[in-house]
N, C-alpha and C. Protein backbone atom coordinates (compact mmCIF):
# COMPACT_ATOMS: atom_id res chain seq x y z
N MET A 1 -11.26 -26.54 33.83
CA MET A 1 -11.13 -26.17 32.44
C MET A 1 -10.77 -24.68 32.35
N GLU A 2 -9.80 -24.38 31.52
CA GLU A 2 -9.40 -22.99 31.33
C GLU A 2 -10.42 -22.26 30.47
N LYS A 3 -10.50 -20.96 30.65
CA LYS A 3 -11.38 -20.13 29.84
C LYS A 3 -10.84 -20.03 28.42
N THR A 4 -11.76 -19.91 27.48
CA THR A 4 -11.37 -19.60 26.11
C THR A 4 -11.01 -18.13 26.08
N LYS A 5 -9.93 -17.78 25.39
CA LYS A 5 -9.46 -16.41 25.35
C LYS A 5 -9.61 -15.85 23.94
N LEU A 6 -10.25 -14.68 23.83
CA LEU A 6 -10.35 -13.95 22.57
C LEU A 6 -9.50 -12.70 22.69
N THR A 7 -8.61 -12.50 21.73
CA THR A 7 -7.75 -11.31 21.70
C THR A 7 -8.13 -10.49 20.49
N ILE A 8 -8.52 -9.22 20.71
CA ILE A 8 -8.85 -8.31 19.63
C ILE A 8 -7.54 -7.65 19.22
N ASN A 9 -7.04 -8.01 18.06
CA ASN A 9 -5.75 -7.50 17.59
C ASN A 9 -5.90 -6.12 16.97
N ASN A 10 -4.90 -5.27 17.20
CA ASN A 10 -4.87 -3.97 16.53
C ASN A 10 -4.84 -4.19 15.03
N ASN A 11 -5.66 -3.45 14.31
CA ASN A 11 -5.65 -3.46 12.84
C ASN A 11 -5.78 -4.86 12.25
N GLY A 12 -6.52 -5.74 12.92
CA GLY A 12 -6.61 -7.09 12.39
C GLY A 12 -7.70 -7.94 12.99
N SER A 13 -7.40 -9.21 13.09
CA SER A 13 -8.35 -10.25 13.43
C SER A 13 -8.66 -10.36 14.92
N VAL A 14 -9.57 -11.28 15.21
CA VAL A 14 -9.83 -11.72 16.58
C VAL A 14 -9.20 -13.10 16.71
N LYS A 15 -8.23 -13.23 17.61
CA LYS A 15 -7.57 -14.51 17.84
C LYS A 15 -8.31 -15.25 18.95
N ILE A 16 -8.66 -16.51 18.69
CA ILE A 16 -9.34 -17.35 19.66
C ILE A 16 -8.38 -18.45 20.08
N GLU A 17 -8.21 -18.61 21.40
CA GLU A 17 -7.31 -19.62 21.93
C GLU A 17 -8.03 -20.44 22.99
N GLY A 18 -7.79 -21.72 23.01
CA GLY A 18 -8.35 -22.57 24.06
C GLY A 18 -9.15 -23.72 23.49
N ASP A 19 -10.15 -24.14 24.26
CA ASP A 19 -11.03 -25.23 23.87
C ASP A 19 -12.33 -24.59 23.38
N PHE A 20 -12.61 -24.68 22.09
CA PHE A 20 -13.77 -24.01 21.52
C PHE A 20 -14.28 -24.77 20.31
N GLU A 21 -15.48 -24.42 19.91
CA GLU A 21 -16.09 -24.94 18.70
C GLU A 21 -16.66 -23.74 17.96
N ILE A 22 -16.56 -23.74 16.63
CA ILE A 22 -17.14 -22.68 15.81
C ILE A 22 -18.18 -23.33 14.92
N VAL A 23 -19.41 -22.80 14.96
CA VAL A 23 -20.50 -23.37 14.17
C VAL A 23 -21.11 -22.30 13.28
N ASP A 24 -21.76 -22.75 12.18
CA ASP A 24 -22.47 -21.83 11.31
C ASP A 24 -23.89 -21.60 11.86
N THR A 25 -24.70 -20.84 11.14
CA THR A 25 -26.04 -20.51 11.63
C THR A 25 -26.97 -21.71 11.71
N GLN A 26 -26.61 -22.79 11.05
CA GLN A 26 -27.39 -24.02 11.11
C GLN A 26 -26.92 -24.96 12.22
N GLY A 27 -25.85 -24.56 12.94
CA GLY A 27 -25.30 -25.38 14.01
C GLY A 27 -24.27 -26.38 13.55
N ASN A 28 -23.87 -26.32 12.28
CA ASN A 28 -22.85 -27.22 11.75
C ASN A 28 -21.46 -26.72 12.14
N ALA A 29 -20.64 -27.62 12.67
CA ALA A 29 -19.30 -27.25 13.13
C ALA A 29 -18.32 -27.16 11.97
N TYR A 30 -17.47 -26.13 12.02
CA TYR A 30 -16.35 -26.03 11.08
C TYR A 30 -15.31 -27.08 11.49
N GLY A 31 -14.67 -27.70 10.51
CA GLY A 31 -13.63 -28.69 10.79
C GLY A 31 -12.32 -28.00 11.11
N LEU A 32 -12.01 -27.85 12.37
CA LEU A 32 -10.83 -27.10 12.80
C LEU A 32 -9.58 -27.96 12.91
N GLN A 33 -9.69 -29.26 12.65
CA GLN A 33 -8.54 -30.16 12.64
C GLN A 33 -7.70 -30.07 13.91
N ASP A 34 -8.37 -30.08 15.06
CA ASP A 34 -7.74 -30.07 16.38
C ASP A 34 -6.97 -28.78 16.69
N ARG A 35 -7.23 -27.70 15.96
CA ARG A 35 -6.56 -26.43 16.28
C ARG A 35 -7.07 -25.90 17.61
N THR A 36 -6.17 -25.31 18.38
CA THR A 36 -6.54 -24.64 19.62
C THR A 36 -6.36 -23.13 19.51
N VAL A 37 -5.93 -22.66 18.33
CA VAL A 37 -5.79 -21.23 18.04
C VAL A 37 -6.24 -20.99 16.60
N VAL A 38 -7.15 -20.06 16.41
CA VAL A 38 -7.54 -19.60 15.07
C VAL A 38 -7.75 -18.10 15.13
N SER A 39 -7.74 -17.46 13.97
CA SER A 39 -8.02 -16.03 13.89
C SER A 39 -9.26 -15.83 13.02
N ILE A 40 -10.17 -15.00 13.51
CA ILE A 40 -11.43 -14.71 12.83
C ILE A 40 -11.34 -13.34 12.18
N CYS A 41 -11.77 -13.26 10.93
CA CYS A 41 -11.76 -12.01 10.17
C CYS A 41 -12.73 -11.01 10.79
N ARG A 42 -12.32 -9.75 10.89
CA ARG A 42 -13.27 -8.71 11.27
C ARG A 42 -13.26 -7.55 10.30
N CYS A 43 -12.44 -7.61 9.25
CA CYS A 43 -12.41 -6.54 8.26
C CYS A 43 -13.36 -6.80 7.10
N GLY A 44 -13.74 -8.07 6.89
CA GLY A 44 -14.63 -8.42 5.80
C GLY A 44 -13.93 -8.70 4.47
N LEU A 45 -12.61 -8.62 4.43
CA LEU A 45 -11.87 -8.80 3.18
C LEU A 45 -11.35 -10.21 2.94
N SER A 46 -11.37 -11.06 3.95
CA SER A 46 -10.81 -12.40 3.82
C SER A 46 -11.57 -13.22 2.78
N LYS A 47 -10.85 -13.99 2.01
CA LYS A 47 -11.46 -14.92 1.06
C LYS A 47 -11.71 -16.27 1.74
N ASN A 48 -11.39 -16.36 3.01
CA ASN A 48 -11.53 -17.60 3.77
C ASN A 48 -12.42 -17.37 5.00
N LYS A 49 -13.43 -16.47 4.86
CA LYS A 49 -14.30 -16.14 5.99
C LYS A 49 -14.98 -17.40 6.53
N PRO A 50 -15.14 -17.53 7.82
CA PRO A 50 -14.97 -16.49 8.82
C PRO A 50 -13.54 -16.35 9.31
N PHE A 51 -12.61 -17.09 8.71
CA PHE A 51 -11.23 -17.08 9.18
C PHE A 51 -10.42 -16.00 8.49
N CYS A 52 -9.44 -15.47 9.20
CA CYS A 52 -8.57 -14.42 8.68
C CYS A 52 -7.54 -15.01 7.72
N ASP A 53 -7.32 -14.34 6.60
CA ASP A 53 -6.27 -14.76 5.67
C ASP A 53 -5.21 -13.67 5.48
N GLY A 54 -5.27 -12.62 6.31
CA GLY A 54 -4.27 -11.55 6.24
C GLY A 54 -4.62 -10.44 5.26
N SER A 55 -5.78 -10.51 4.62
CA SER A 55 -6.18 -9.49 3.63
C SER A 55 -6.34 -8.09 4.23
N HIS A 56 -6.49 -8.00 5.55
CA HIS A 56 -6.70 -6.72 6.21
C HIS A 56 -5.47 -5.82 6.19
N LYS A 57 -4.31 -6.38 6.00
CA LYS A 57 -3.07 -5.60 6.10
C LYS A 57 -3.12 -4.38 5.19
N GLY A 58 -3.03 -3.21 5.81
CA GLY A 58 -3.05 -1.95 5.09
C GLY A 58 -4.44 -1.47 4.70
N HIS A 59 -5.50 -2.23 5.08
CA HIS A 59 -6.85 -1.87 4.67
C HIS A 59 -7.83 -1.76 5.84
N PHE A 60 -7.35 -1.90 7.05
CA PHE A 60 -8.25 -1.94 8.20
C PHE A 60 -7.52 -1.33 9.39
N GLU A 61 -8.14 -0.33 10.00
CA GLU A 61 -7.51 0.32 11.15
C GLU A 61 -8.43 0.28 12.35
N HIS A 62 -7.91 -0.22 13.44
CA HIS A 62 -8.64 -0.21 14.71
C HIS A 62 -7.65 -0.48 15.82
N ASN A 63 -7.52 0.45 16.74
CA ASN A 63 -6.67 0.24 17.91
C ASN A 63 -7.51 -0.42 18.99
N ALA A 64 -7.15 -1.62 19.35
CA ALA A 64 -7.90 -2.39 20.33
C ALA A 64 -7.52 -1.95 21.74
N ILE A 65 -8.42 -1.22 22.37
CA ILE A 65 -8.20 -0.74 23.73
C ILE A 65 -9.41 -1.16 24.56
N ALA A 66 -9.19 -1.95 25.58
CA ALA A 66 -10.28 -2.48 26.41
C ALA A 66 -11.02 -1.35 27.14
N PHE A 67 -12.32 -1.56 27.31
CA PHE A 67 -13.15 -0.62 28.06
C PHE A 67 -14.29 -1.38 28.71
N ASP A 68 -14.97 -0.76 29.64
CA ASP A 68 -16.11 -1.38 30.32
C ASP A 68 -17.39 -1.09 29.55
N LEU A 69 -18.19 -2.11 29.34
CA LEU A 69 -19.51 -1.93 28.76
C LEU A 69 -20.44 -1.30 29.79
N PRO A 70 -21.50 -0.64 29.35
CA PRO A 70 -22.48 -0.15 30.32
C PRO A 70 -23.19 -1.33 30.98
N PRO A 71 -23.87 -1.11 32.10
CA PRO A 71 -24.57 -2.21 32.76
C PRO A 71 -25.58 -2.87 31.81
N LYS A 72 -25.79 -4.17 32.02
CA LYS A 72 -26.77 -4.91 31.23
C LYS A 72 -28.16 -4.36 31.47
N LYS A 73 -28.95 -4.30 30.40
CA LYS A 73 -30.35 -3.90 30.55
C LYS A 73 -31.14 -5.06 31.12
N VAL A 74 -32.06 -4.71 31.98
CA VAL A 74 -32.85 -5.76 32.63
C VAL A 74 -34.23 -5.83 32.05
């Protein structure tokens, strides 16, 4: 099985690709209609949360540059 891939887009959403399930806090699954790619809002402006509807355009700035997290606390 391939890994699920999350891409943090510059000035926008988080794109999820692969085999995944998205659930709410009660464990209920969103009906994704067999999609293997969705974008999740991270600006808070979408009217279709948790999914991106493009509302971030011109209202959200973040350059996505990968970095290493510090070691896990034990």
